[in-house]
C-alpha atoms as a PDB file:
ATOM      1  CA  MET A   1      42.270  19.479  69.865  1.00  0.00           C
ATOM      2  CA  ASP A   2      42.321  23.110  68.719  1.00  0.00           C
ATOM      3  CA  ILE A   3      44.552  25.488  70.603  1.00  0.00           C
ATOM      4  CA  SER A   4      44.036  29.187  70.975  1.00  0.00           C
ATOM      5  CA  LEU A   5      46.369  31.161  68.723  1.00  0.00           C
ATOM      6  CA  ASP A   6      46.956  34.835  69.379  1.00  0.00           C
ATOM      7  CA  GLU A   7      48.169  37.407  66.872  1.00  0.00           C
ATOM      8  CA  ILE A   8      51.849  36.736  67.641  1.00  0.00           C
ATOM      9  CA  ASP A   9      51.370  32.991  67.045  1.00  0.00           C
ATOM     10  CA  ARG A  10      49.652  33.746  63.742  1.00  0.00           C
ATOM     11  CA  ARG A  11      52.467  36.047  62.626  1.00  0.00           C
ATOM     12  CA  ILE A  12      55.043  33.400  63.563  1.00  0.00           C
ATOM     13  CA  LEU A  13      53.175  30.686  61.662  1.00  0.00           C
ATOM     14  CA  ASN A  14      52.725  32.848  58.575  1.00  0.00           C
ATOM     15  CA  ALA A  15      56.407  33.816  58.558  1.00  0.00           C
ATOM     16  CA  LEU A  16      57.609  30.237  59.027  1.00  0.00           C
ATOM     17  CA  GLN A  17      55.287  28.955  56.309  1.00  0.00           C
ATOM     18  CA  ALA A  18      56.820  31.472  53.919  1.00  0.00           C
ATOM     19  CA  ASP A  19      60.418  30.588  54.881  1.00  0.00           C
ATOM     20  CA  ALA A  20      61.245  28.188  57.706  1.00  0.00           C
ATOM     21  CA  SER A  21      64.986  28.574  57.118  1.00  0.00           C
ATOM     22  CA  ILE A  22      65.204  32.026  58.707  1.00  0.00           C
ATOM     23  CA  THR A  23      67.016  32.385  62.015  1.00  0.00           C
ATOM     24  CA  ASN A  24      65.183  32.939  65.266  1.00  0.00           C
ATOM     25  CA  ALA A  25      66.554  36.504  65.368  1.00  0.00           C
ATOM     26  CA  GLU A  26      65.200  37.203  61.869  1.00  0.00           C
ATOM     27  CA  LEU A  27      61.849  35.662  62.780  1.00  0.00           C
ATOM     28  CA  ALA A  28      61.626  37.702  65.985  1.00  0.00           C
ATOM     29  CA  GLN A  29      62.310  40.879  64.034  1.00  0.00           C
ATOM     30  CA  LEU A  30      59.679  39.976  61.424  1.00  0.00           C
ATOM     31  CA  VAL A  31      56.961  39.328  63.994  1.00  0.00           C
ATOM     32  CA  HIS A  32      57.986  42.208  66.315  1.00  0.00           C
ATOM     33  CA  VAL A  33      58.867  40.293  69.483  1.00  0.00           C
ATOM     34  CA  SER A  34      62.097  39.642  71.344  1.00  0.00           C
ATOM     35  CA  ALA A  35      64.253  36.693  70.289  1.00  0.00           C
ATOM     36  CA  PRO A  36      63.684  34.756  73.576  1.00  0.00           C
ATOM     37  CA  THR A  37      59.912  35.289  73.305  1.00  0.00           C
ATOM     38  CA  CYS A  38      59.972  34.102  69.701  1.00  0.00           C
ATOM     39  CA  LEU A  39      61.999  30.998  70.562  1.00  0.00           C
ATOM     40  CA  ARG A  40      59.616  30.134  73.415  1.00  0.00           C
ATOM     41  CA  ARG A  41      56.547  30.646  71.186  1.00  0.00           C
ATOM     42  CA  VAL A  42      57.939  28.449  68.399  1.00  0.00           C
ATOM     43  CA  LYS A  43      58.751  25.721  70.933  1.00  0.00           C
ATOM     44  CA  GLN A  44      55.189  25.912  72.312  1.00  0.00           C
ATOM     45  CA  LEU A  45      53.761  25.653  68.784  1.00  0.00           C
ATOM     46  CA  ARG A  46      55.941  22.578  68.114  1.00  0.00           C
ATOM     47  CA  ASP A  47      55.088  20.958  71.458  1.00  0.00           C
ATOM     48  CA  ALA A  48      51.360  21.525  70.819  1.00  0.00           C
ATOM     49  CA  GLY A  49      51.659  19.871  67.391  1.00  0.00           C
ATOM     50  CA  VAL A  50      50.696  23.032  65.500  1.00  0.00           C
ATOM     51  CA  ILE A  51      54.077  22.921  63.747  1.00  0.00           C
ATOM     52  CA  GLU A  52      54.380  19.286  62.710  1.00  0.00           C
ATOM     53  CA  ARG A  53      57.791  19.543  61.058  1.00  0.00           C
ATOM     54  CA  GLN A  54      59.965  21.828  58.980  1.00  0.00           C
ATOM     55  CA  VAL A  55      61.034  20.620  55.544  1.00  0.00           C
ATOM     56  CA  ALA A  56      62.622  21.718  52.292  1.00  0.00           C
ATOM     57  CA  ILE A  57      60.304  21.708  49.288  1.00  0.00           C
ATOM     58  CA  VAL A  58      62.103  20.114  46.351  1.00  0.00           C
ATOM     59  CA  ALA A  59      61.266  20.825  42.696  1.00  0.00           C
ATOM     60  CA  PRO A  60      60.250  17.363  41.394  1.00  0.00           C
ATOM     61  CA  GLU A  61      61.462  17.967  37.846  1.00  0.00           C
ATOM     62  CA  LYS A  62      64.947  18.921  39.138  1.00  0.00           C
ATOM     63  CA  VAL A  63      65.375  15.512  40.798  1.00  0.00           C
ATOM     64  CA  GLY A  64      63.871  13.350  38.056  1.00  0.00           C
ATOM     65  CA  ALA A  65      60.351  12.906  39.459  1.00  0.00           C
ATOM     66  CA  ARG A  66      58.530  14.386  36.476  1.00  0.00           C
ATOM     67  CA  LEU A  67      55.222  12.501  36.600  1.00  0.00           C
ATOM     68  CA  THR A  68      52.520  13.374  39.105  1.00  0.00           C
ATOM     69  CA  ALA A  69      49.530  11.068  39.388  1.00  0.00           C
ATOM     70  CA  ILE A  70      46.366  11.599  41.387  1.00  0.00           C
ATOM     71  CA  VAL A  71      44.976   8.135  42.000  1.00  0.00           C
ATOM     72  CA  GLU A  72      41.512   7.123  43.192  1.00  0.00           C
ATOM     73  CA  ILE A  73      41.322   3.753  44.931  1.00  0.00           C
ATOM     74  CA  THR A  74      38.185   1.799  45.765  1.00  0.00           C
ATOM     75  CA  LEU A  75      38.592  -1.179  48.034  1.00  0.00           C
ATOM     76  CA  ASP A  76      36.593  -4.369  47.740  1.00  0.00           C
ATOM     77  CA  VAL A  77      36.002  -4.572  51.506  1.00  0.00           C
ATOM     78  CA  GLN A  78      35.700  -1.319  53.483  1.00  0.00           C
ATOM     79  CA  ALA A  79      35.934  -2.757  57.003  1.00  0.00           C
ATOM     80  CA  ALA A  80      38.016  -0.588  59.359  1.00  0.00           C
ATOM     81  CA  ASP A  81      40.840  -3.123  59.618  1.00  0.00           C
ATOM     82  CA  ARG A  82      41.048  -3.506  55.821  1.00  0.00           C
ATOM     83  CA  MET A  83      41.123   0.294  55.358  1.00  0.00           C
ATOM     84  CA  ALA A  84      43.931   0.576  57.935  1.00  0.00           C
ATOM     85  CA  GLU A  85      45.786  -2.289  56.250  1.00  0.00           C
ATOM     86  CA  PHE A  86      45.662  -0.448  52.920  1.00  0.00           C
ATOM     87  CA  GLU A  87      46.878   2.798  54.520  1.00  0.00           C
ATOM     88  CA  THR A  88      49.807   0.971  56.085  1.00  0.00           C
ATOM     89  CA  HIS A  89      50.562  -0.680  52.738  1.00  0.00           C
ATOM     90  CA  VAL A  90      50.723   2.606  50.774  1.00  0.00           C
ATOM     91  CA  ALA A  91      52.485   4.548  53.573  1.00  0.00           C
ATOM     92  CA  GLN A  92      55.559   2.356  53.022  1.00  0.00           C
ATOM     93  CA  GLU A  93      55.869   3.531  49.410  1.00  0.00           C
ATOM     94  CA  GLU A  94      58.146   6.593  49.030  1.00  0.00           C
ATOM     95  CA  ALA A  95      56.479   7.698  45.794  1.00  0.00           C
ATOM     96  CA  VAL A  96      53.139   8.155  47.598  1.00  0.00           C
ATOM     97  CA  LEU A  97      53.348  11.737  48.838  1.00  0.00           C
ATOM     98  CA  GLN A  98      49.820  12.011  50.210  1.00  0.00           C
ATOM     99  CA  CYS A  99      47.050   9.578  51.106  1.00  0.00           C
ATOM    100  CA  TYR A 100      43.516  10.657  51.967  1.00  0.00           C
ATOM    101  CA  ARG A 101      40.447   8.685  52.998  1.00  0.00           C
ATOM    102  CA  VAL A 102      37.575  10.327  51.163  1.00  0.00           C
ATOM    103  CA  SER A 103      33.816  10.140  50.983  1.00  0.00           C
ATOM    104  CA  PRO A 104      31.689   9.825  48.930  1.00  0.00           C
ATOM    105  CA  GLY A 105      33.159   8.138  45.886  1.00  0.00           C
ATOM    106  CA  PRO A 106      36.409   6.211  46.086  1.00  0.00           C
ATOM    107  CA  ASP A 107      37.805   5.125  49.437  1.00  0.00           C
ATOM    108  CA  PHE A 108      41.206   6.783  48.997  1.00  0.00           C
ATOM    109  CA  VAL A 109      42.876   9.457  46.915  1.00  0.00           C
ATOM    110  CA  LEU A 110      46.651   9.308  46.584  1.00  0.00           C
ATOM    111  CA  VAL A 111      49.109  11.846  45.235  1.00  0.00           C
ATOM    112  CA  VAL A 112      52.041  10.040  43.664  1.00  0.00           C
ATOM    113  CA  GLN A 113      55.298  11.435  42.252  1.00  0.00           C
ATOM    114  CA  VAL A 114      57.425   9.187  40.011  1.00  0.00           C
ATOM    115  CA  PRO A 115      60.041   9.645  37.277  1.00  0.00           C
ATOM    116  CA  ASP A 116      57.959   8.386  34.355  1.00  0.00           C
ATOM    117  CA  MET A 117      55.158   6.087  33.185  1.00  0.00           C
ATOM    118  CA  PRO A 118      57.153   2.835  33.545  1.00  0.00           C
ATOM    119  CA  ALA A 119      57.853   3.805  37.174  1.00  0.00           C
ATOM    120  CA  TYR A 120      54.135   4.484  37.709  1.00  0.00           C
ATOM    121  CA  HIS A 121      53.292   1.119  36.148  1.00  0.00           C
ATOM    122  CA  ALA A 122      55.710  -0.648  38.535  1.00  0.00           C
ATOM    123  CA  LEU A 123      54.246   1.257  41.507  1.00  0.00           C
ATOM    124  CA  ALA A 124      50.689   0.401  40.458  1.00  0.00           C
ATOM    125  CA  HIS A 125      51.632  -3.257  40.241  1.00  0.00           C
ATOM    126  CA  ARG A 126      53.272  -3.199  43.697  1.00  0.00           C
ATOM    127  CA  LEU A 127      50.472  -1.296  45.413  1.00  0.00           C
ATOM    128  CA  PHE A 128      47.269  -2.086  43.581  1.00  0.00           C
ATOM    129  CA  THR A 129      47.326  -5.176  41.393  1.00  0.00           C
ATOM    130  CA  SER A 130      49.182  -7.305  43.909  1.00  0.00           C
ATOM    131  CA  HIS A 131      46.979  -6.066  46.769  1.00  0.00           C
ATOM    132  CA  ALA A 132      43.992  -8.406  47.027  1.00  0.00           C
ATOM    133  CA  ASN A 133      41.567  -5.847  48.487  1.00  0.00           C
ATOM    134  CA  VAL A 134      41.788  -3.245  45.671  1.00  0.00           C
ATOM    135  CA  ARG A 135      38.683  -3.315  43.484  1.00  0.00           C
ATOM    136  CA  ASN A 136      39.150  -0.239  41.302  1.00  0.00           C
ATOM    137  CA  VAL A 137      41.985   2.154  40.402  1.00  0.00           C
ATOM    138  CA  LYS A 138      41.486   5.385  38.468  1.00  0.00           C
ATOM    139  CA  ALA A 139      44.567   7.517  37.780  1.00  0.00           C
ATOM    140  CA  TYR A 140      44.833  11.082  36.533  1.00  0.00           C
ATOM    141  CA  PHE A 141      48.184  12.302  35.227  1.00  0.00           C
ATOM    142  CA  SER A 142      49.175  15.932  35.611  1.00  0.00           C
ATOM    143  CA  THR A 143      50.106  17.743  32.427  1.00  0.00           C
ATOM    144  CA  LEU A 144      50.892  21.018  34.199  1.00  0.00           C
ATOM    145  CA  ARG A 145      51.201  22.051  37.826  1.00  0.00           C
ATOM    146  CA  SER A 146      49.691  25.530  37.824  1.00  0.00           C
ATOM    147  CA  LYS A 147      49.635  25.902  41.611  1.00  0.00           C
ATOM    148  CA  PHE A 148      51.346  24.131  44.463  1.00  0.00           C
ATOM    149  CA  GLU A 149      51.140  25.562  47.942  1.00  0.00           C
ATOM    150  CA  THR A 150      51.826  24.190  51.389  1.00  0.00           C
ATOM    151  CA  ARG A 151      50.766  27.288  53.305  1.00  0.00           C
ATOM    152  CA  ILE A 152      47.624  27.200  55.430  1.00  0.00           C
ATOM    153  CA  ALA A 153      45.907  30.499  56.165  1.00  0.00           C
ATOM    154  CA  VAL A 154      46.116  31.259  59.883  1.00  0.00           C
END
């Protein structure tokens, strides 16, 4: 369900997407409202599910996760229960950062972050070759990340 965002909400969301670590007082000053108003607005945005969570974005190469793979998966059987089963299966894997159902083409696209090719091979075996409903796997390996953004224009 879409909610109606006013200009203050938009300013709050843009500021938090740029840096969610700022204090409420700093945020209030940035968006030109009082601190209590800002706190109330942020709480409303959280309660409405507009702000899902606040996280730290970690540089993968600094923590040993140097290989990014974008993986297309086609299932053998596309029944709703089998699709949900696959989603549950991959959601348990920490290296899978994102999972999308897509159409047309493959059934799923995954974004995976692992230390190296042997780690990818082990992940592929755990998730795809041992999973009876996977028909086809096509992986693309990133050679350079030229843009990475989490901000959504509001």
